[in-house]
Amino acid sequence: ARQRWHWHPLKCNLILGGFLLVDIVY
C-alpha cells in the first residue's frame, strides 16, 4: 500500500493498521 499504491501514511495506519490490530488480537 505504501510503496506500490502510494497510500498516504495516515490512510495506511487507519485501514491496514486497524486490520493488523484485529489480526494480532485474534
PDB file of all heavy atoms in Angstrom:
ATOM      1  N   ALA A   1       0.825  -1.212   0.000  1.00  0.00           N
ATOM      2  CA  ALA A   1       0.000   0.000   0.000  1.00  0.00           C
ATOM      3  C   ALA A   1       0.861   1.266   0.000  1.00  0.00           C
ATOM      4  O   ALA A   1       0.545   2.248  -0.681  1.00  0.00           O
ATOM      5  CB  ALA A   1      -0.935  -0.006   1.207  1.00  0.00           C
ATOM      6  N   ARG A   2       1.949   1.234   0.757  1.00  0.00           N
ATOM      7  CA  ARG A   2       2.822   2.414   0.827  1.00  0.00           C
ATOM      8  C   ARG A   2       3.688   2.564  -0.435  1.00  0.00           C
ATOM      9  O   ARG A   2       3.771   3.647  -1.010  1.00  0.00           O
ATOM     10  CB  ARG A   2       3.733   2.318   2.055  1.00  0.00           C
ATOM     11  CG  ARG A   2       3.036   2.574   3.362  1.00  0.00           C
ATOM     12  CD  ARG A   2       2.665   4.051   3.581  1.00  0.00           C
ATOM     13  NE  ARG A   2       3.842   4.900   3.646  1.00  0.00           N
ATOM     14  CZ  ARG A   2       4.045   5.965   2.877  1.00  0.00           C
ATOM     15  NH1 ARG A   2       3.141   6.299   1.974  1.00  0.00           N
ATOM     16  NH2 ARG A   2       5.127   6.705   3.023  1.00  0.00           N
ATOM     17  N   GLN A   3       4.315   1.463  -0.855  1.00  0.00           N
ATOM     18  CA  GLN A   3       5.299   1.542  -1.928  1.00  0.00           C
ATOM     19  C   GLN A   3       4.686   1.467  -3.324  1.00  0.00           C
ATOM     20  O   GLN A   3       5.196   2.082  -4.251  1.00  0.00           O
ATOM     21  CB  GLN A   3       6.328   0.399  -1.767  1.00  0.00           C
ATOM     22  CG  GLN A   3       7.051   0.379  -0.438  1.00  0.00           C
ATOM     23  CD  GLN A   3       7.990   1.561  -0.271  1.00  0.00           C
ATOM     24  OE1 GLN A   3       8.462   2.134  -1.247  1.00  0.00           O
ATOM     25  NE2 GLN A   3       8.246   1.954   0.968  1.00  0.00           N
ATOM     26  N   ARG A   4       3.618   0.691  -3.472  1.00  0.00           N
ATOM     27  CA  ARG A   4       3.062   0.452  -4.815  1.00  0.00           C
ATOM     28  C   ARG A   4       1.795   1.255  -5.069  1.00  0.00           C
ATOM     29  O   ARG A   4       1.611   1.793  -6.153  1.00  0.00           O
ATOM     30  CB  ARG A   4       2.795  -1.038  -4.988  1.00  0.00           C
ATOM     31  CG  ARG A   4       2.532  -1.471  -6.422  1.00  0.00           C
ATOM     32  CD  ARG A   4       2.381  -2.977  -6.495  1.00  0.00           C
ATOM     33  NE  ARG A   4       2.208  -3.438  -7.866  1.00  0.00           N
ATOM     34  CZ  ARG A   4       3.196  -3.766  -8.679  1.00  0.00           C
ATOM     35  NH1 ARG A   4       4.458  -3.679  -8.260  1.00  0.00           N
ATOM     36  NH2 ARG A   4       2.970  -4.180  -9.909  1.00  0.00           N
ATOM     37  N   TRP A   5       0.900   1.286  -4.068  1.00  0.00           N
ATOM     38  CA  TRP A   5      -0.340   2.044  -4.239  1.00  0.00           C
ATOM     39  C   TRP A   5      -0.177   3.512  -3.848  1.00  0.00           C
ATOM     40  O   TRP A   5      -1.055   4.323  -4.125  1.00  0.00           O
ATOM     41  CB  TRP A   5      -1.457   1.430  -3.395  1.00  0.00           C
ATOM     42  CG  TRP A   5      -1.751  -0.005  -3.704  1.00  0.00           C
ATOM     43  CD1 TRP A   5      -1.418  -0.698  -4.838  1.00  0.00           C
ATOM     44  CD2 TRP A   5      -2.453  -0.932  -2.865  1.00  0.00           C
ATOM     45  NE1 TRP A   5      -1.864  -1.989  -4.760  1.00  0.00           N
ATOM     46  CE2 TRP A   5      -2.510  -2.177  -3.563  1.00  0.00           C
ATOM     47  CE3 TRP A   5      -3.047  -0.841  -1.612  1.00  0.00           C
ATOM     48  CZ2 TRP A   5      -3.119  -3.303  -3.026  1.00  0.00           C
ATOM     49  CZ3 TRP A   5      -3.661  -1.976  -1.079  1.00  0.00           C
ATOM     50  CH2 TRP A   5      -3.700  -3.190  -1.778  1.00  0.00           C
ATOM     51  N   HIS A   6       0.926   3.817  -3.176  1.00  0.00           N
ATOM     52  CA  HIS A   6       1.235   5.196  -2.749  1.00  0.00           C
ATOM     53  C   HIS A   6       0.153   5.775  -1.846  1.00  0.00           C
ATOM     54  O   HIS A   6      -0.236   6.941  -1.967  1.00  0.00           O
ATOM     55  CB  HIS A   6       1.452   6.103  -3.966  1.00  0.00           C
ATOM     56  CG  HIS A   6       2.473   5.567  -4.928  1.00  0.00           C
ATOM     57  ND1 HIS A   6       3.806   5.429  -4.600  1.00  0.00           N
ATOM     58  CD2 HIS A   6       2.354   5.103  -6.209  1.00  0.00           C
ATOM     59  CE1 HIS A   6       4.463   4.923  -5.638  1.00  0.00           C
ATOM     60  NE2 HIS A   6       3.612   4.703  -6.623  1.00  0.00           N
ATOM     61  N   TRP A   7      -0.338   4.944  -0.940  1.00  0.00           N
ATOM     62  CA  TRP A   7      -1.297   5.425   0.046  1.00  0.00           C
ATOM     63  C   TRP A   7      -0.612   6.379   1.008  1.00  0.00           C
ATOM     64  O   TRP A   7       0.565   6.222   1.344  1.00  0.00           O
ATOM     65  CB  TRP A   7      -1.867   4.250   0.837  1.00  0.00           C
ATOM     66  CG  TRP A   7      -2.986   3.518   0.147  1.00  0.00           C
ATOM     67  CD1 TRP A   7      -3.333   3.595  -1.170  1.00  0.00           C
ATOM     68  CD2 TRP A   7      -3.878   2.576   0.743  1.00  0.00           C
ATOM     69  NE1 TRP A   7      -4.392   2.769  -1.430  1.00  0.00           N
ATOM     70  CE2 TRP A   7      -4.751   2.134  -0.282  1.00  0.00           C
ATOM     71  CE3 TRP A   7      -4.034   2.070   2.035  1.00  0.00           C
ATOM     72  CZ2 TRP A   7      -5.757   1.199  -0.043  1.00  0.00           C
ATOM     73  CZ3 TRP A   7      -5.039   1.145   2.274  1.00  0.00           C
ATOM     74  CH2 TRP A   7      -5.889   0.717   1.240  1.00  0.00           C
ATOM     75  N   HIS A   8      -1.375   7.352   1.477  1.00  0.00           N
ATOM     76  CA  HIS A   8      -0.879   8.272   2.498  1.00  0.00           C
ATOM     77  C   HIS A   8      -0.635   7.486   3.786  1.00  0.00           C
ATOM     78  O   HIS A   8      -1.389   6.558   4.117  1.00  0.00           O
ATOM     79  CB  HIS A   8      -1.908   9.379   2.741  1.00  0.00           C
ATOM     80  CG  HIS A   8      -1.411  10.496   3.599  1.00  0.00           C
ATOM     81  ND1 HIS A   8      -1.394  10.426   4.988  1.00  0.00           N
ATOM     82  CD2 HIS A   8      -0.895  11.718   3.274  1.00  0.00           C
ATOM     83  CE1 HIS A   8      -0.899  11.541   5.475  1.00  0.00           C
ATOM     84  NE2 HIS A   8      -0.591  12.348   4.455  1.00  0.00           N
ATOM     85  N   PRO A   9       0.427   7.823   4.550  1.00  0.00           N
ATOM     86  CA  PRO A   9       0.697   7.089   5.802  1.00  0.00           C
ATOM     87  C   PRO A   9      -0.505   7.030   6.747  1.00  0.00           C
ATOM     88  O   PRO A   9      -0.746   6.012   7.389  1.00  0.00           O
ATOM     89  CB  PRO A   9       1.852   7.882   6.422  1.00  0.00           C
ATOM     90  CG  PRO A   9       2.543   8.511   5.268  1.00  0.00           C
ATOM     91  CD  PRO A   9       1.476   8.812   4.258  1.00  0.00           C
ATOM     92  N   LEU A  10      -1.273   8.122   6.820  1.00  0.00           N
ATOM     93  CA  LEU A  10      -2.439   8.132   7.698  1.00  0.00           C
ATOM     94  C   LEU A  10      -3.477   7.114   7.237  1.00  0.00           C
ATOM     95  O   LEU A  10      -4.058   6.381   8.048  1.00  0.00           O
ATOM     96  CB  LEU A  10      -3.061   9.533   7.723  1.00  0.00           C
ATOM     97  CG  LEU A  10      -4.287   9.705   8.641  1.00  0.00           C
ATOM     98  CD1 LEU A  10      -3.906   9.393  10.091  1.00  0.00           C
ATOM     99  CD2 LEU A  10      -4.861  11.118   8.517  1.00  0.00           C
ATOM    100  N   LYS A  11      -3.689   7.022   5.917  1.00  0.00           N
ATOM    101  CA  LYS A  11      -4.636   6.064   5.366  1.00  0.00           C
ATOM    102  C   LYS A  11      -4.177   4.631   5.650  1.00  0.00           C
ATOM    103  O   LYS A  11      -4.968   3.766   6.032  1.00  0.00           O
ATOM    104  CB  LYS A  11      -4.788   6.291   3.856  1.00  0.00           C
ATOM    105  CG  LYS A  11      -5.822   5.388   3.193  1.00  0.00           C
ATOM    106  CD  LYS A  11      -5.928   5.702   1.696  1.00  0.00           C
ATOM    107  CE  LYS A  11      -6.967   4.816   1.011  1.00  0.00           C
ATOM    108  NZ  LYS A  11      -7.066   5.107  -0.439  1.00  0.00           N
ATOM    109  N   CYS A  12      -2.881   4.387   5.468  1.00  0.00           N
ATOM    110  CA  CYS A  12      -2.317   3.059   5.759  1.00  0.00           C
ATOM    111  C   CYS A  12      -2.517   2.681   7.218  1.00  0.00           C
ATOM    112  O   CYS A  12      -2.929   1.563   7.538  1.00  0.00           O
ATOM    113  CB  CYS A  12      -0.820   3.032   5.430  1.00  0.00           C
ATOM    114  SG  CYS A  12      -0.445   2.645   3.729  1.00  0.00           S
ATOM    115  N   ASN A  13      -2.211   3.613   8.093  1.00  0.00           N
ATOM    116  CA  ASN A  13      -2.298   3.313   9.522  1.00  0.00           C
ATOM    117  C   ASN A  13      -3.738   3.086   9.967  1.00  0.00           C
ATOM    118  O   ASN A  13      -4.018   2.199  10.784  1.00  0.00           O
ATOM    119  CB  ASN A  13      -1.674   4.449  10.339  1.00  0.00           C
ATOM    120  CG  ASN A  13      -0.164   4.507  10.192  1.00  0.00           C
ATOM    121  OD1 ASN A  13       0.480   3.466  10.033  1.00  0.00           O
ATOM    122  ND2 ASN A  13       0.409   5.704  10.230  1.00  0.00           N
ATOM    123  N   LEU A  14      -4.653   3.889   9.415  1.00  0.00           N
ATOM    124  CA  LEU A  14      -6.052   3.747   9.813  1.00  0.00           C
ATOM    125  C   LEU A  14      -6.659   2.441   9.307  1.00  0.00           C
ATOM    126  O   LEU A  14      -7.307   1.708  10.056  1.00  0.00           O
ATOM    127  CB  LEU A  14      -6.868   4.935   9.297  1.00  0.00           C
ATOM    128  CG  LEU A  14      -6.693   6.262  10.046  1.00  0.00           C
ATOM    129  CD1 LEU A  14      -7.484   7.366   9.354  1.00  0.00           C
ATOM    130  CD2 LEU A  14      -7.140   6.121  11.499  1.00  0.00           C
ATOM    131  N   ILE A  15      -6.430   2.144   8.025  1.00  0.00           N
ATOM    132  CA  ILE A  15      -7.083   0.976   7.416  1.00  0.00           C
ATOM    133  C   ILE A  15      -6.317  -0.305   7.729  1.00  0.00           C
ATOM    134  O   ILE A  15      -6.819  -1.211   8.394  1.00  0.00           O
ATOM    135  CB  ILE A  15      -7.241   1.176   5.895  1.00  0.00           C
ATOM    136  CG1 ILE A  15      -8.156   2.384   5.611  1.00  0.00           C
ATOM    137  CG2 ILE A  15      -7.801  -0.090   5.248  1.00  0.00           C
ATOM    138  CD1 ILE A  15      -8.313   2.718   4.144  1.00  0.00           C
ATOM    139  N   LEU A  16      -5.073  -0.377   7.256  1.00  0.00           N
ATOM    140  CA  LEU A  16      -4.305  -1.609   7.444  1.00  0.00           C
ATOM    141  C   LEU A  16      -3.845  -1.771   8.889  1.00  0.00           C
ATOM    142  O   LEU A  16      -3.729  -2.894   9.389  1.00  0.00           O
ATOM    143  CB  LEU A  16      -3.121  -1.634   6.483  1.00  0.00           C
ATOM    144  CG  LEU A  16      -3.558  -1.837   5.021  1.00  0.00           C
ATOM    145  CD1 LEU A  16      -2.435  -1.479   4.057  1.00  0.00           C
ATOM    146  CD2 LEU A  16      -4.020  -3.257   4.764  1.00  0.00           C
ATOM    147  N   GLY A  17      -3.588  -0.629   9.556  1.00  0.00           N
ATOM    148  CA  GLY A  17      -3.261  -0.714  10.983  1.00  0.00           C
ATOM    149  C   GLY A  17      -4.426  -1.271  11.782  1.00  0.00           C
ATOM    150  O   GLY A  17      -4.249  -2.056  12.715  1.00  0.00           O
ATOM    151  N   GLY A  18      -5.653  -0.875  11.401  1.00  0.00           N
ATOM    152  CA  GLY A  18      -6.840  -1.420  12.052  1.00  0.00           C
ATOM    153  C   GLY A  18      -6.984  -2.918  11.811  1.00  0.00           C
ATOM    154  O   GLY A  18      -7.276  -3.692  12.734  1.00  0.00           O
ATOM    155  N   PHE A  19      -6.767  -3.336  10.542  1.00  0.00           N
ATOM    156  CA  PHE A  19      -6.813  -4.771  10.236  1.00  0.00           C
ATOM    157  C   PHE A  19      -5.758  -5.531  11.040  1.00  0.00           C
ATOM    158  O   PHE A  19      -6.023  -6.624  11.559  1.00  0.00           O
ATOM    159  CB  PHE A  19      -6.577  -5.008   8.746  1.00  0.00           C
ATOM    160  CG  PHE A  19      -7.687  -4.529   7.856  1.00  0.00           C
ATOM    161  CD1 PHE A  19      -7.433  -4.127   6.553  1.00  0.00           C
ATOM    162  CD2 PHE A  19      -8.999  -4.479   8.305  1.00  0.00           C
ATOM    163  CE1 PHE A  19      -8.446  -3.699   5.720  1.00  0.00           C
ATOM    164  CE2 PHE A  19     -10.026  -4.050   7.485  1.00  0.00           C
ATOM    165  CZ  PHE A  19      -9.743  -3.650   6.183  1.00  0.00           C
ATOM    166  N   LEU A  20      -4.555  -4.966  11.125  1.00  0.00           N
ATOM    167  CA  LEU A  20      -3.463  -5.629  11.834  1.00  0.00           C
ATOM    168  C   LEU A  20      -3.793  -5.782  13.318  1.00  0.00           C
ATOM    169  O   LEU A  20      -3.481  -6.818  13.930  1.00  0.00           O
ATOM    170  CB  LEU A  20      -2.159  -4.841  11.656  1.00  0.00           C
ATOM    171  CG  LEU A  20      -0.907  -5.467  12.281  1.00  0.00           C
ATOM    172  CD1 LEU A  20      -0.635  -6.840  11.682  1.00  0.00           C
ATOM    173  CD2 LEU A  20       0.297  -4.547  12.078  1.00  0.00           C
ATOM    174  N   LEU A  21      -4.423  -4.765  13.903  1.00  0.00           N
ATOM    175  CA  LEU A  21      -4.803  -4.840  15.320  1.00  0.00           C
ATOM    176  C   LEU A  21      -5.776  -6.005  15.549  1.00  0.00           C
ATOM    177  O   LEU A  21      -5.618  -6.786  16.497  1.00  0.00           O
ATOM    178  CB  LEU A  21      -5.448  -3.519  15.756  1.00  0.00           C
ATOM    179  CG  LEU A  21      -5.930  -3.459  17.209  1.00  0.00           C
ATOM    180  CD1 LEU A  21      -4.757  -3.637  18.172  1.00  0.00           C
ATOM    181  CD2 LEU A  21      -6.648  -2.136  17.483  1.00  0.00           C
ATOM    182  N   VAL A  22      -6.775  -6.134  14.662  1.00  0.00           N
ATOM    183  CA  VAL A  22      -7.730  -7.237  14.772  1.00  0.00           C
ATOM    184  C   VAL A  22      -7.008  -8.574  14.637  1.00  0.00           C
ATOM    185  O   VAL A  22      -7.244  -9.511  15.413  1.00  0.00           O
ATOM    186  CB  VAL A  22      -8.835  -7.102  13.697  1.00  0.00           C
ATOM    187  CG1 VAL A  22      -9.724  -8.348  13.674  1.00  0.00           C
ATOM    188  CG2 VAL A  22      -9.680  -5.862  13.945  1.00  0.00           C
ATOM    189  N   ASP A  23      -6.105  -8.674  13.653  1.00  0.00           N
ATOM    190  CA  ASP A  23      -5.365  -9.925  13.430  1.00  0.00           C
ATOM    191  C   ASP A  23      -4.526 -10.298  14.645  1.00  0.00           C
ATOM    192  O   ASP A  23      -4.471 -11.473  15.043  1.00  0.00           O
ATOM    193  CB  ASP A  23      -4.446  -9.788  12.211  1.00  0.00           C
ATOM    194  CG  ASP A  23      -5.208  -9.685  10.904  1.00  0.00           C
ATOM    195  OD1 ASP A  23      -6.397 -10.060  10.884  1.00  0.00           O
ATOM    196  OD2 ASP A  23      -4.620  -9.230   9.908  1.00  0.00           O
ATOM    197  N   ILE A  24      -3.847  -9.309  15.221  1.00  0.00           N
ATOM    198  CA  ILE A  24      -2.969  -9.588  16.365  1.00  0.00           C
ATOM    199  C   ILE A  24      -3.782 -10.043  17.576  1.00  0.00           C
ATOM    200  O   ILE A  24      -3.372 -10.955  18.299  1.00  0.00           O
ATOM    201  CB  ILE A  24      -2.121  -8.339  16.700  1.00  0.00           C
ATOM    202  CG1 ILE A  24      -1.069  -8.119  15.606  1.00  0.00           C
ATOM    203  CG2 ILE A  24      -1.448  -8.495  18.062  1.00  0.00           C
ATOM    204  CD1 ILE A  24      -0.275  -6.829  15.762  1.00  0.00           C
ATOM    205  N   VAL A  25      -4.942  -9.411  17.786  1.00  0.00           N
ATOM    206  CA  VAL A  25      -5.799  -9.829  18.908  1.00  0.00           C
ATOM    207  C   VAL A  25      -6.252 -11.269  18.709  1.00  0.00           C
ATOM    208  O   VAL A  25      -6.204 -12.097  19.633  1.00  0.00           O
ATOM    209  CB  VAL A  25      -7.007  -8.885  19.045  1.00  0.00           C
ATOM    210  CG1 VAL A  25      -8.007  -9.442  20.055  1.00  0.00           C
ATOM    211  CG2 VAL A  25      -6.555  -7.497  19.485  1.00  0.00           C
ATOM    212  N   TYR A  26      -6.676 -11.603  17.491  1.00  0.00           N
ATOM    213  CA  TYR A  26      -7.091 -12.980  17.213  1.00  0.00           C
ATOM    214  C   TYR A  26      -5.920 -13.953  17.383  1.00  0.00           C
ATOM    215  O   TYR A  26      -6.071 -15.039  17.955  1.00  0.00           O
ATOM    216  CB  TYR A  26      -7.658 -13.087  15.794  1.00  0.00           C
ATOM    217  CG  TYR A  26      -9.168 -13.051  15.741  1.00  0.00           C
ATOM    218  CD1 TYR A  26      -9.841 -12.031  15.087  1.00  0.00           C
ATOM    219  CD2 TYR A  26      -9.921 -14.049  16.344  1.00  0.00           C
ATOM    220  CE1 TYR A  26     -11.235 -11.997  15.030  1.00  0.00           C
ATOM    221  CE2 TYR A  26     -11.307 -14.029  16.301  1.00  0.00           C
ATOM    222  CZ  TYR A  26     -11.956 -13.009  15.646  1.00  0.00           C
ATOM    223  OH  TYR A  26     -13.336 -12.987  15.615  1.00  0.00           O
TER     224      TYR A  26
END
